[in-house]
């Protein structure tokens, strides 16, 4: 769903508040989601990652990407 910019601006702080609340009340909650395998952790955090669509975190937004986003927004 699309939300106005003022609402979108509140999402990160809301997620941070939820995270802090969960960590205060059950700091070991994530343990049952992880099986302890190597696949549970990002081997190179913050580095570009390849996927079937494109390379994530790889430089500035191109004009083609801006055009594609514009088409989606104006449907």
N, C-alpha and C. Protein backbone atom coordinates (compact mmCIF):
# COMPACT_ATOMS: atom_id res chain seq x y z
N UNK A 1 0.83 -1.17 0.00
CA UNK A 1 0.00 0.00 0.00
C UNK A 1 0.88 1.24 0.00
N UNK A 2 0.36 2.29 -0.55
CA UNK A 2 1.10 3.53 -0.57
C UNK A 2 0.57 4.45 0.53
N UNK A 3 1.51 5.10 1.20
CA UNK A 3 1.17 6.01 2.27
C UNK A 3 1.81 7.36 1.99
N UNK A 4 1.25 8.41 2.55
CA UNK A 4 1.81 9.74 2.41
C UNK A 4 3.19 9.79 3.06
N UNK A 5 4.03 10.72 2.60
CA UNK A 5 5.39 10.86 3.11
C UNK A 5 5.44 11.05 4.62
N UNK A 6 4.56 11.86 5.24
CA UNK A 6 4.63 12.00 6.70
C UNK A 6 4.46 10.66 7.43
N UNK A 7 3.62 9.80 6.91
CA UNK A 7 3.44 8.46 7.52
C UNK A 7 4.68 7.62 7.29
N UNK A 8 5.21 7.64 6.06
CA UNK A 8 6.42 6.86 5.75
C UNK A 8 7.58 7.30 6.64
N UNK A 9 7.67 8.58 6.93
CA UNK A 9 8.75 9.09 7.77
C UNK A 9 8.68 8.55 9.20
N UNK A 10 7.50 8.14 9.63
CA UNK A 10 7.34 7.62 10.99
C UNK A 10 7.64 6.13 11.10
N UNK A 11 7.72 5.44 9.98
CA UNK A 11 7.92 3.98 10.01
C UNK A 11 9.24 3.57 10.66
N UNK A 12 10.39 4.16 10.29
CA UNK A 12 11.64 3.70 10.94
C UNK A 12 11.65 3.87 12.45
N UNK A 13 11.16 5.00 12.94
CA UNK A 13 11.17 5.18 14.39
C UNK A 13 10.17 4.24 15.06
N UNK A 14 9.06 3.94 14.39
CA UNK A 14 8.10 2.98 14.94
C UNK A 14 8.70 1.58 15.00
N UNK A 15 9.42 1.19 13.96
CA UNK A 15 10.06 -0.13 13.96
C UNK A 15 11.15 -0.21 15.03
N UNK A 16 11.90 0.88 15.20
CA UNK A 16 12.93 0.91 16.23
C UNK A 16 12.30 0.78 17.62
N UNK A 17 11.17 1.45 17.83
CA UNK A 17 10.48 1.36 19.12
C UNK A 17 10.00 -0.06 19.37
N UNK A 18 9.45 -0.70 18.33
CA UNK A 18 8.99 -2.09 18.48
C UNK A 18 10.17 -3.01 18.79
N UNK A 19 11.28 -2.82 18.10
CA UNK A 19 12.47 -3.62 18.34
C UNK A 19 12.93 -3.47 19.79
N UNK A 20 13.02 -2.22 20.26
CA UNK A 20 13.46 -1.98 21.63
C UNK A 20 12.51 -2.59 22.65
N UNK A 21 11.21 -2.50 22.39
CA UNK A 21 10.22 -3.10 23.29
C UNK A 21 10.42 -4.62 23.37
N UNK A 22 10.60 -5.25 22.20
CA UNK A 22 10.79 -6.70 22.19
C UNK A 22 12.09 -7.10 22.89
N UNK A 23 13.14 -6.32 22.67
CA UNK A 23 14.42 -6.64 23.31
C UNK A 23 14.34 -6.46 24.83
N UNK A 24 13.55 -5.48 25.29
CA UNK A 24 13.38 -5.28 26.73
C UNK A 24 12.61 -6.43 27.36
N UNK A 25 11.63 -6.98 26.64
CA UNK A 25 10.75 -7.99 27.22
C UNK A 25 11.18 -9.42 26.94
N UNK A 26 11.93 -9.67 25.87
CA UNK A 26 12.41 -11.02 25.57
C UNK A 26 13.62 -10.94 24.66
N UNK A 27 14.80 -10.63 25.22
CA UNK A 27 15.99 -10.45 24.39
C UNK A 27 16.44 -11.71 23.66
N UNK A 28 15.96 -12.88 24.06
CA UNK A 28 16.36 -14.13 23.41
C UNK A 28 15.33 -14.61 22.39
N UNK A 29 14.36 -13.75 22.06
CA UNK A 29 13.28 -14.14 21.15
C UNK A 29 13.79 -14.62 19.80
N UNK A 30 14.84 -14.00 19.28
CA UNK A 30 15.32 -14.36 17.94
C UNK A 30 15.97 -15.74 17.91
N UNK A 31 16.40 -16.25 19.05
CA UNK A 31 17.10 -17.52 19.09
C UNK A 31 16.29 -18.66 18.49
N UNK A 32 14.98 -18.66 18.68
CA UNK A 32 14.19 -19.77 18.15
C UNK A 32 13.96 -19.64 16.64
N UNK A 33 14.28 -18.48 16.04
CA UNK A 33 14.17 -18.32 14.60
C UNK A 33 15.42 -18.76 13.86
N UNK A 34 16.52 -18.86 14.58
CA UNK A 34 17.79 -19.23 13.98
C UNK A 34 18.12 -20.66 14.33
N UNK A 35 18.55 -21.43 13.35
CA UNK A 35 18.93 -22.81 13.64
C UNK A 35 20.43 -22.95 13.87
N UNK A 36 21.14 -21.84 13.85
CA UNK A 36 22.57 -21.88 14.13
C UNK A 36 23.43 -22.14 12.90
N UNK A 37 22.81 -22.27 11.74
CA UNK A 37 23.57 -22.54 10.53
C UNK A 37 24.22 -21.29 9.97
N UNK A 38 25.19 -21.50 9.09
CA UNK A 38 25.90 -20.38 8.47
C UNK A 38 24.97 -19.52 7.62
N UNK A 39 23.89 -20.09 7.08
CA UNK A 39 22.98 -19.34 6.21
C UNK A 39 22.16 -18.29 6.96
N UNK A 40 22.19 -18.33 8.28
CA UNK A 40 21.40 -17.38 9.07
C UNK A 40 22.02 -16.00 9.12
N UNK A 41 23.28 -15.88 8.75
CA UNK A 41 23.98 -14.61 8.89
C UNK A 41 24.51 -14.13 7.55
N UNK A 42 24.50 -12.83 7.35
CA UNK A 42 25.03 -12.23 6.13
C UNK A 42 26.55 -12.25 6.22
N UNK A 43 27.21 -12.94 5.30
CA UNK A 43 28.68 -13.05 5.38
C UNK A 43 29.39 -11.73 5.09
N UNK A 44 28.73 -10.83 4.38
CA UNK A 44 29.36 -9.54 4.07
C UNK A 44 28.33 -8.43 4.20
N UNK A 45 27.98 -8.06 5.43
CA UNK A 45 26.94 -7.05 5.63
C UNK A 45 27.33 -5.72 4.98
N UNK A 46 26.35 -5.08 4.35
CA UNK A 46 26.56 -3.79 3.74
C UNK A 46 27.17 -3.82 2.36
N UNK A 47 27.50 -5.00 1.87
CA UNK A 47 28.10 -5.13 0.55
C UNK A 47 27.02 -5.42 -0.48
N UNK A 48 27.25 -5.06 -1.75
CA UNK A 48 26.26 -5.35 -2.79
C UNK A 48 25.93 -6.84 -2.86
N UNK A 49 24.66 -7.15 -3.05
CA UNK A 49 24.21 -8.53 -3.13
C UNK A 49 23.50 -8.75 -4.46
N UNK A 50 23.85 -9.79 -5.18
CA UNK A 50 23.20 -10.11 -6.44
C UNK A 50 21.90 -10.86 -6.16
N UNK A 51 20.87 -10.57 -6.95
CA UNK A 51 19.65 -11.36 -6.91
C UNK A 51 19.12 -11.47 -8.33
N UNK A 52 17.95 -12.07 -8.51
CA UNK A 52 17.45 -12.29 -9.86
C UNK A 52 16.98 -11.01 -10.55
N UNK A 53 16.84 -9.92 -9.80
CA UNK A 53 16.37 -8.68 -10.38
C UNK A 53 17.52 -7.74 -10.74
N UNK A 54 18.48 -7.60 -9.84
CA UNK A 54 19.52 -6.60 -10.03
C UNK A 54 20.55 -6.77 -8.93
N UNK A 55 21.44 -5.80 -8.83
CA UNK A 55 22.39 -5.76 -7.73
C UNK A 55 21.86 -4.78 -6.70
N UNK A 56 21.73 -5.23 -5.48
CA UNK A 56 21.24 -4.36 -4.42
C UNK A 56 22.38 -3.51 -3.89
N UNK A 57 22.09 -2.30 -3.47
CA UNK A 57 23.07 -1.39 -2.88
C UNK A 57 24.24 -1.14 -3.82
N UNK A 58 23.94 -0.92 -5.08
CA UNK A 58 25.02 -0.75 -6.06
C UNK A 58 24.93 0.62 -6.71
N UNK A 59 25.31 1.65 -5.98
CA UNK A 59 25.40 2.98 -6.56
C UNK A 59 24.10 3.74 -6.60
N UNK A 60 24.14 4.86 -7.34
CA UNK A 60 22.99 5.75 -7.43
C UNK A 60 21.90 5.16 -8.31
N UNK A 61 20.70 5.68 -8.16
CA UNK A 61 19.55 5.24 -8.95
C UNK A 61 19.74 5.72 -10.39
N UNK A 62 19.53 4.82 -11.33
CA UNK A 62 19.69 5.17 -12.74
C UNK A 62 18.41 5.82 -13.26
N UNK A 63 18.51 6.47 -14.42
CA UNK A 63 17.34 7.08 -15.03
C UNK A 63 16.30 6.02 -15.39
N UNK A 64 16.75 4.85 -15.83
CA UNK A 64 15.82 3.77 -16.16
C UNK A 64 15.03 3.33 -14.93
N UNK A 65 15.69 3.27 -13.78
CA UNK A 65 15.00 2.91 -12.54
C UNK A 65 13.99 3.99 -12.14
N UNK A 66 14.36 5.25 -12.33
CA UNK A 66 13.43 6.34 -12.04
C UNK A 66 12.21 6.26 -12.94
N UNK A 67 12.43 5.98 -14.22
CA UNK A 67 11.31 5.87 -15.15
C UNK A 67 10.39 4.72 -14.77
N UNK A 68 10.99 3.57 -14.41
CA UNK A 68 10.18 2.41 -14.02
C UNK A 68 9.37 2.72 -12.77
N UNK A 69 9.96 3.39 -11.78
CA UNK A 69 9.24 3.75 -10.57
C UNK A 69 8.12 4.72 -10.89
N UNK A 70 8.37 5.65 -11.79
CA UNK A 70 7.34 6.61 -12.19
C UNK A 70 6.15 5.95 -12.83
N UNK A 71 6.41 4.91 -13.65
CA UNK A 71 5.30 4.18 -14.28
C UNK A 71 4.46 3.47 -13.24
N UNK A 72 5.09 2.92 -12.22
CA UNK A 72 4.37 2.20 -11.16
C UNK A 72 3.51 3.17 -10.37
N UNK A 73 4.06 4.35 -10.05
CA UNK A 73 3.34 5.33 -9.25
C UNK A 73 2.14 5.93 -9.98
N UNK A 74 2.21 5.99 -11.30
CA UNK A 74 1.15 6.66 -12.07
C UNK A 74 0.15 5.69 -12.69
N UNK A 75 0.07 4.48 -12.17
CA UNK A 75 -0.90 3.50 -12.68
C UNK A 75 -2.28 3.84 -12.20
